[in-house]
């Protein structure tokens, strides 16, 4: 088998591995919205209106919360946080506005007896709420308010006798005792 023929299947394997790694995360994020969507057909009109009201209120609170974080980042002149928070805030604001419009449209549809349009608007609000919650969690990660902050991690390591600017080998390769000798050639050659 030639070297190029081995590369193509490996690329496919990496793509499949990447898809499997991403799929559980995407499914886990969708659980909240899908549960609310399943309830949509069995909820009363009053419950749908209450859900819409509380959802829009929660989204408005998210806008306020992320806006405050952005103001703090601007006072600190932290460009990285500003950029990250700005992206999240714009998404939250857009979803909040869409949900407010959907709530209004749902109220009109319910009053006129158009249950399919009301159900459609209810679903829009449920999906938007799920996404706003995700954006809000990501905004908290932007400023380090969560346990799963993505990005750069600083690690401070100290070794006795080693000071900044000292140029020494940390480990002499002769000090390593592996216990067995490596094979003369790779099995893949």
C-alpha atoms as a PDB file:
ATOM      1  CA  UNK A   1       0.000   0.000   0.000  1.00  0.00           C
ATOM      2  CA  UNK A   2       1.443   3.350  -0.970  1.00  0.00           C
ATOM      3  CA  UNK A   3       1.873   6.189   1.469  1.00  0.00           C
ATOM      4  CA  UNK A   4      -0.753   8.387  -0.282  1.00  0.00           C
ATOM      5  CA  UNK A   5      -3.373   5.637  -0.155  1.00  0.00           C
ATOM      6  CA  UNK A   6      -2.915   5.454   3.635  1.00  0.00           C
ATOM      7  CA  UNK A   7      -3.398   9.206   4.045  1.00  0.00           C
ATOM      8  CA  UNK A   8      -6.866   9.350   2.500  1.00  0.00           C
ATOM      9  CA  UNK A   9      -8.501   6.833   4.913  1.00  0.00           C
ATOM     10  CA  UNK A  10      -6.814   8.520   7.857  1.00  0.00           C
ATOM     11  CA  UNK A  11      -8.325  11.872   6.815  1.00  0.00           C
ATOM     12  CA  UNK A  12     -11.751  10.252   6.743  1.00  0.00           C
ATOM     13  CA  UNK A  13     -11.097   8.764  10.174  1.00  0.00           C
ATOM     14  CA  UNK A  14     -10.181  12.184  11.603  1.00  0.00           C
ATOM     15  CA  UNK A  15     -13.299  13.760  10.094  1.00  0.00           C
ATOM     16  CA  UNK A  16     -15.490  11.014  11.564  1.00  0.00           C
ATOM     17  CA  UNK A  17     -13.802  11.392  14.952  1.00  0.00           C
ATOM     18  CA  UNK A  18     -14.391  15.143  14.866  1.00  0.00           C
ATOM     19  CA  UNK A  19     -18.068  14.647  14.036  1.00  0.00           C
ATOM     20  CA  UNK A  20     -18.513  12.164  16.881  1.00  0.00           C
ATOM     21  CA  UNK A  21     -16.758  14.526  19.269  1.00  0.00           C
ATOM     22  CA  UNK A  22     -19.036  17.434  18.339  1.00  0.00           C
ATOM     23  CA  UNK A  23     -22.336  15.544  18.088  1.00  0.00           C
ATOM     24  CA  UNK A  24     -22.827  14.796  21.829  1.00  0.00           C
ATOM     25  CA  UNK A  25     -22.180  18.449  22.674  1.00  0.00           C
ATOM     26  CA  UNK A  26     -24.702  19.642  20.123  1.00  0.00           C
ATOM     27  CA  UNK A  27     -27.243  17.117  21.345  1.00  0.00           C
ATOM     28  CA  UNK A  28     -26.680  18.063  24.979  1.00  0.00           C
ATOM     29  CA  UNK A  29     -27.249  21.735  24.209  1.00  0.00           C
ATOM     30  CA  UNK A  30     -30.482  20.957  22.403  1.00  0.00           C
ATOM     31  CA  UNK A  31     -32.045  18.986  25.278  1.00  0.00           C
ATOM     32  CA  UNK A  32     -33.561  22.050  26.946  1.00  0.00           C
ATOM     33  CA  UNK A  33     -35.298  23.327  23.841  1.00  0.00           C
ATOM     34  CA  UNK A  34     -36.532  19.937  22.668  1.00  0.00           C
ATOM     35  CA  UNK A  35     -38.110  19.223  26.065  1.00  0.00           C
ATOM     36  CA  UNK A  36     -39.958  22.529  25.933  1.00  0.00           C
ATOM     37  CA  UNK A  37     -40.990  21.949  22.328  1.00  0.00           C
ATOM     38  CA  UNK A  38     -42.439  18.545  23.157  1.00  0.00           C
ATOM     39  CA  UNK A  39     -44.477  20.146  25.932  1.00  0.00           C
ATOM     40  CA  UNK A  40     -45.722  22.825  23.542  1.00  0.00           C
ATOM     41  CA  UNK A  41     -48.452  20.715  22.017  1.00  0.00           C
ATOM     42  CA  UNK A  42     -49.745  19.603  25.413  1.00  0.00           C
ATOM     43  CA  UNK A  43     -49.688  22.987  27.161  1.00  0.00           C
ATOM     44  CA  UNK A  44     -52.635  25.281  27.440  1.00  0.00           C
ATOM     45  CA  UNK A  45     -52.775  28.698  25.817  1.00  0.00           C
ATOM     46  CA  UNK A  46     -52.356  30.326  29.209  1.00  0.00           C
ATOM     47  CA  UNK A  47     -49.243  28.238  29.957  1.00  0.00           C
ATOM     48  CA  UNK A  48     -47.782  29.174  26.568  1.00  0.00           C
ATOM     49  CA  UNK A  49     -48.318  32.854  27.313  1.00  0.00           C
ATOM     50  CA  UNK A  50     -46.761  32.504  30.776  1.00  0.00           C
ATOM     51  CA  UNK A  51     -43.794  30.669  29.268  1.00  0.00           C
ATOM     52  CA  UNK A  52     -43.378  33.355  26.617  1.00  0.00           C
ATOM     53  CA  UNK A  53     -43.534  36.108  29.241  1.00  0.00           C
ATOM     54  CA  UNK A  54     -40.985  34.456  31.533  1.00  0.00           C
ATOM     55  CA  UNK A  55     -38.717  33.598  28.592  1.00  0.00           C
ATOM     56  CA  UNK A  56     -38.677  37.139  27.234  1.00  0.00           C
ATOM     57  CA  UNK A  57     -38.033  38.426  30.747  1.00  0.00           C
ATOM     58  CA  UNK A  58     -35.137  35.982  31.186  1.00  0.00           C
ATOM     59  CA  UNK A  59     -33.671  37.057  27.848  1.00  0.00           C
ATOM     60  CA  UNK A  60     -33.922  40.737  28.814  1.00  0.00           C
ATOM     61  CA  UNK A  61     -32.138  39.928  32.079  1.00  0.00           C
ATOM     62  CA  UNK A  62     -29.419  38.184  30.063  1.00  0.00           C
ATOM     63  CA  UNK A  63     -29.003  41.320  27.923  1.00  0.00           C
ATOM     64  CA  UNK A  64     -28.584  43.419  31.088  1.00  0.00           C
ATOM     65  CA  UNK A  65     -26.161  40.967  32.666  1.00  0.00           C
ATOM     66  CA  UNK A  66     -23.896  40.647  29.626  1.00  0.00           C
ATOM     67  CA  UNK A  67     -24.086  44.425  29.049  1.00  0.00           C
ATOM     68  CA  UNK A  68     -22.739  44.989  32.572  1.00  0.00           C
ATOM     69  CA  UNK A  69     -19.909  42.529  31.939  1.00  0.00           C
ATOM     70  CA  UNK A  70     -19.111  44.354  28.701  1.00  0.00           C
ATOM     71  CA  UNK A  71     -19.064  47.737  30.469  1.00  0.00           C
ATOM     72  CA  UNK A  72     -16.649  46.326  33.049  1.00  0.00           C
ATOM     73  CA  UNK A  73     -14.392  44.942  30.312  1.00  0.00           C
ATOM     74  CA  UNK A  74     -14.451  48.334  28.569  1.00  0.00           C
ATOM     75  CA  UNK A  75     -13.447  50.105  31.800  1.00  0.00           C
ATOM     76  CA  UNK A  76     -10.586  47.631  32.173  1.00  0.00           C
ATOM     77  CA  UNK A  77      -9.660  48.098  28.475  1.00  0.00           C
ATOM     78  CA  UNK A  78      -9.515  44.337  28.025  1.00  0.00           C
ATOM     79  CA  UNK A  79      -9.823  43.989  24.246  1.00  0.00           C
ATOM     80  CA  UNK A  80     -10.122  40.200  24.302  1.00  0.00           C
ATOM     81  CA  UNK A  81     -13.051  40.267  26.733  1.00  0.00           C
ATOM     82  CA  UNK A  82     -14.655  43.172  24.889  1.00  0.00           C
ATOM     83  CA  UNK A  83     -14.573  41.283  21.591  1.00  0.00           C
ATOM     84  CA  UNK A  84     -15.867  38.057  23.113  1.00  0.00           C
ATOM     85  CA  UNK A  85     -18.657  39.746  25.083  1.00  0.00           C
ATOM     86  CA  UNK A  86     -19.708  41.913  22.146  1.00  0.00           C
ATOM     87  CA  UNK A  87     -20.304  38.834  19.998  1.00  0.00           C
ATOM     88  CA  UNK A  88     -22.352  37.129  22.691  1.00  0.00           C
ATOM     89  CA  UNK A  89     -24.324  40.269  23.500  1.00  0.00           C
ATOM     90  CA  UNK A  90     -25.273  40.884  19.878  1.00  0.00           C
ATOM     91  CA  UNK A  91     -26.620  37.334  19.614  1.00  0.00           C
ATOM     92  CA  UNK A  92     -28.555  37.641  22.865  1.00  0.00           C
ATOM     93  CA  UNK A  93     -30.044  40.996  21.845  1.00  0.00           C
ATOM     94  CA  UNK A  94     -31.142  39.682  18.455  1.00  0.00           C
ATOM     95  CA  UNK A  95     -32.772  36.595  19.980  1.00  0.00           C
ATOM     96  CA  UNK A  96     -34.428  38.722  22.650  1.00  0.00           C
ATOM     97  CA  UNK A  97     -35.967  41.003  20.012  1.00  0.00           C
ATOM     98  CA  UNK A  98     -37.111  38.052  17.893  1.00  0.00           C
ATOM     99  CA  UNK A  99     -38.691  36.477  20.971  1.00  0.00           C
ATOM    100  CA  UNK A 100     -40.499  39.684  21.947  1.00  0.00           C
ATOM    101  CA  UNK A 101     -41.948  39.863  18.425  1.00  0.00           C
ATOM    102  CA  UNK A 102     -42.834  36.156  18.538  1.00  0.00           C
ATOM    103  CA  UNK A 103     -44.572  36.650  21.885  1.00  0.00           C
ATOM    104  CA  UNK A 104     -46.664  39.474  20.448  1.00  0.00           C
ATOM    105  CA  UNK A 105     -47.485  37.422  17.362  1.00  0.00           C
ATOM    106  CA  UNK A 106     -48.365  34.421  19.529  1.00  0.00           C
ATOM    107  CA  UNK A 107     -50.754  36.530  21.617  1.00  0.00           C
ATOM    108  CA  UNK A 108     -52.509  37.753  18.453  1.00  0.00           C
ATOM    109  CA  UNK A 109     -52.673  34.233  17.021  1.00  0.00           C
ATOM    110  CA  UNK A 110     -54.164  32.836  20.214  1.00  0.00           C
ATOM    111  CA  UNK A 111     -56.766  35.586  20.390  1.00  0.00           C
ATOM    112  CA  UNK A 112     -57.801  34.913  16.772  1.00  0.00           C
ATOM    113  CA  UNK A 113     -57.805  31.114  17.256  1.00  0.00           C
ATOM    114  CA  UNK A 114     -54.864  30.383  14.921  1.00  0.00           C
ATOM    115  CA  UNK A 115     -53.300  27.566  16.961  1.00  0.00           C
ATOM    116  CA  UNK A 116     -50.745  26.529  14.331  1.00  0.00           C
ATOM    117  CA  UNK A 117     -49.247  30.039  14.181  1.00  0.00           C
ATOM    118  CA  UNK A 118     -49.310  30.251  17.986  1.00  0.00           C
ATOM    119  CA  UNK A 119     -47.500  26.914  18.182  1.00  0.00           C
ATOM    120  CA  UNK A 120     -44.923  28.127  15.649  1.00  0.00           C
ATOM    121  CA  UNK A 121     -44.237  31.282  17.664  1.00  0.00           C
ATOM    122  CA  UNK A 122     -44.062  29.255  20.889  1.00  0.00           C
ATOM    123  CA  UNK A 123     -41.412  27.045  19.309  1.00  0.00           C
ATOM    124  CA  UNK A 124     -39.401  30.080  18.164  1.00  0.00           C
ATOM    125  CA  UNK A 125     -39.346  31.391  21.728  1.00  0.00           C
ATOM    126  CA  UNK A 126     -38.308  28.012  23.172  1.00  0.00           C
ATOM    127  CA  UNK A 127     -35.427  27.649  20.715  1.00  0.00           C
ATOM    128  CA  UNK A 128     -34.332  31.262  21.257  1.00  0.00           C
ATOM    129  CA  UNK A 129     -34.359  30.808  25.040  1.00  0.00           C
ATOM    130  CA  UNK A 130     -32.143  27.745  24.767  1.00  0.00           C
ATOM    131  CA  UNK A 131     -29.687  29.635  22.553  1.00  0.00           C
ATOM    132  CA  UNK A 132     -29.693  32.696  24.843  1.00  0.00           C
ATOM    133  CA  UNK A 133     -28.833  30.473  27.797  1.00  0.00           C
ATOM    134  CA  UNK A 134     -25.950  29.053  25.794  1.00  0.00           C
ATOM    135  CA  UNK A 135     -24.715  32.538  24.819  1.00  0.00           C
ATOM    136  CA  UNK A 136     -24.992  33.709  28.417  1.00  0.00           C
ATOM    137  CA  UNK A 137     -22.889  30.772  29.624  1.00  0.00           C
ATOM    138  CA  UNK A 138     -20.332  31.544  26.922  1.00  0.00           C
ATOM    139  CA  UNK A 139     -20.307  35.206  27.998  1.00  0.00           C
ATOM    140  CA  UNK A 140     -19.582  34.120  31.563  1.00  0.00           C
ATOM    141  CA  UNK A 141     -16.736  32.022  30.198  1.00  0.00           C
ATOM    142  CA  UNK A 142     -15.402  35.112  28.377  1.00  0.00           C
ATOM    143  CA  UNK A 143     -14.751  36.808  31.715  1.00  0.00           C
ATOM    144  CA  UNK A 144     -13.856  33.679  33.637  1.00  0.00           C
ATOM    145  CA  UNK A 145     -17.075  33.373  35.660  1.00  0.00           C
ATOM    146  CA  UNK A 146     -17.488  29.685  34.913  1.00  0.00           C
ATOM    147  CA  UNK A 147     -15.550  26.532  35.620  1.00  0.00           C
ATOM    148  CA  UNK A 148     -15.107  25.714  31.948  1.00  0.00           C
ATOM    149  CA  UNK A 149     -13.382  28.826  30.665  1.00  0.00           C
ATOM    150  CA  UNK A 150     -12.033  28.204  27.178  1.00  0.00           C
ATOM    151  CA  UNK A 151      -8.889  29.943  26.069  1.00  0.00           C
ATOM    152  CA  UNK A 152      -5.423  30.478  27.434  1.00  0.00           C
ATOM    153  CA  UNK A 153      -4.392  29.008  30.764  1.00  0.00           C
ATOM    154  CA  UNK A 154      -1.395  30.341  32.664  1.00  0.00           C
ATOM    155  CA  UNK A 155       0.665  27.725  34.481  1.00  0.00           C
ATOM    156  CA  UNK A 156       3.389  28.775  36.894  1.00  0.00           C
ATOM    157  CA  UNK A 157       6.083  26.169  37.486  1.00  0.00           C
ATOM    158  CA  UNK A 158       8.904  26.519  39.970  1.00  0.00           C
ATOM    159  CA  UNK A 159      11.900  24.268  40.329  1.00  0.00           C
ATOM    160  CA  UNK A 160      14.234  24.616  43.287  1.00  0.00           C
ATOM    161  CA  UNK A 161      17.440  26.279  42.255  1.00  0.00           C
ATOM    162  CA  UNK A 162      16.127  27.404  38.894  1.00  0.00           C
ATOM    163  CA  UNK A 163      15.507  31.102  38.532  1.00  0.00           C
ATOM    164  CA  UNK A 164      14.253  33.193  35.663  1.00  0.00           C
ATOM    165  CA  UNK A 165      16.977  33.619  33.066  1.00  0.00           C
ATOM    166  CA  UNK A 166      18.886  30.506  34.131  1.00  0.00           C
ATOM    167  CA  UNK A 167      19.811  28.373  31.164  1.00  0.00           C
ATOM    168  CA  UNK A 168      20.075  24.781  32.303  1.00  0.00           C
ATOM    169  CA  UNK A 169      18.890  21.489  31.010  1.00  0.00           C
ATOM    170  CA  UNK A 170      15.968  20.443  33.147  1.00  0.00           C
ATOM    171  CA  UNK A 171      16.686  16.785  32.533  1.00  0.00           C
ATOM    172  CA  UNK A 172      19.700  14.961  31.244  1.00  0.00           C
ATOM    173  CA  UNK A 173      18.571  12.303  28.756  1.00  0.00           C
ATOM    174  CA  UNK A 174      21.087   9.921  30.314  1.00  0.00           C
ATOM    175  CA  UNK A 175      19.117  10.012  33.578  1.00  0.00           C
ATOM    176  CA  UNK A 176      16.083   8.343  32.020  1.00  0.00           C
ATOM    177  CA  UNK A 177      15.799   4.586  32.485  1.00  0.00           C
ATOM    178  CA  UNK A 178      13.014   3.270  30.308  1.00  0.00           C
ATOM    179  CA  UNK A 179      13.740  -0.396  30.938  1.00  0.00           C
ATOM    180  CA  UNK A 180      13.564  -1.572  27.328  1.00  0.00           C
ATOM    181  CA  UNK A 181      15.145  -0.634  24.073  1.00  0.00           C
ATOM    182  CA  UNK A 182      12.959   0.679  21.241  1.00  0.00           C
ATOM    183  CA  UNK A 183      12.657  -1.435  18.083  1.00  0.00           C
ATOM    184  CA  UNK A 184      15.045  -0.758  15.209  1.00  0.00           C
ATOM    185  CA  UNK A 185      12.259   0.271  12.858  1.00  0.00           C
ATOM    186  CA  UNK A 186       8.624   1.224  12.946  1.00  0.00           C
ATOM    187  CA  UNK A 187       6.072  -1.451  12.035  1.00  0.00           C
ATOM    188  CA  UNK A 188       4.494   1.080   9.672  1.00  0.00           C
ATOM    189  CA  UNK A 189       7.501   1.282   7.308  1.00  0.00           C
END
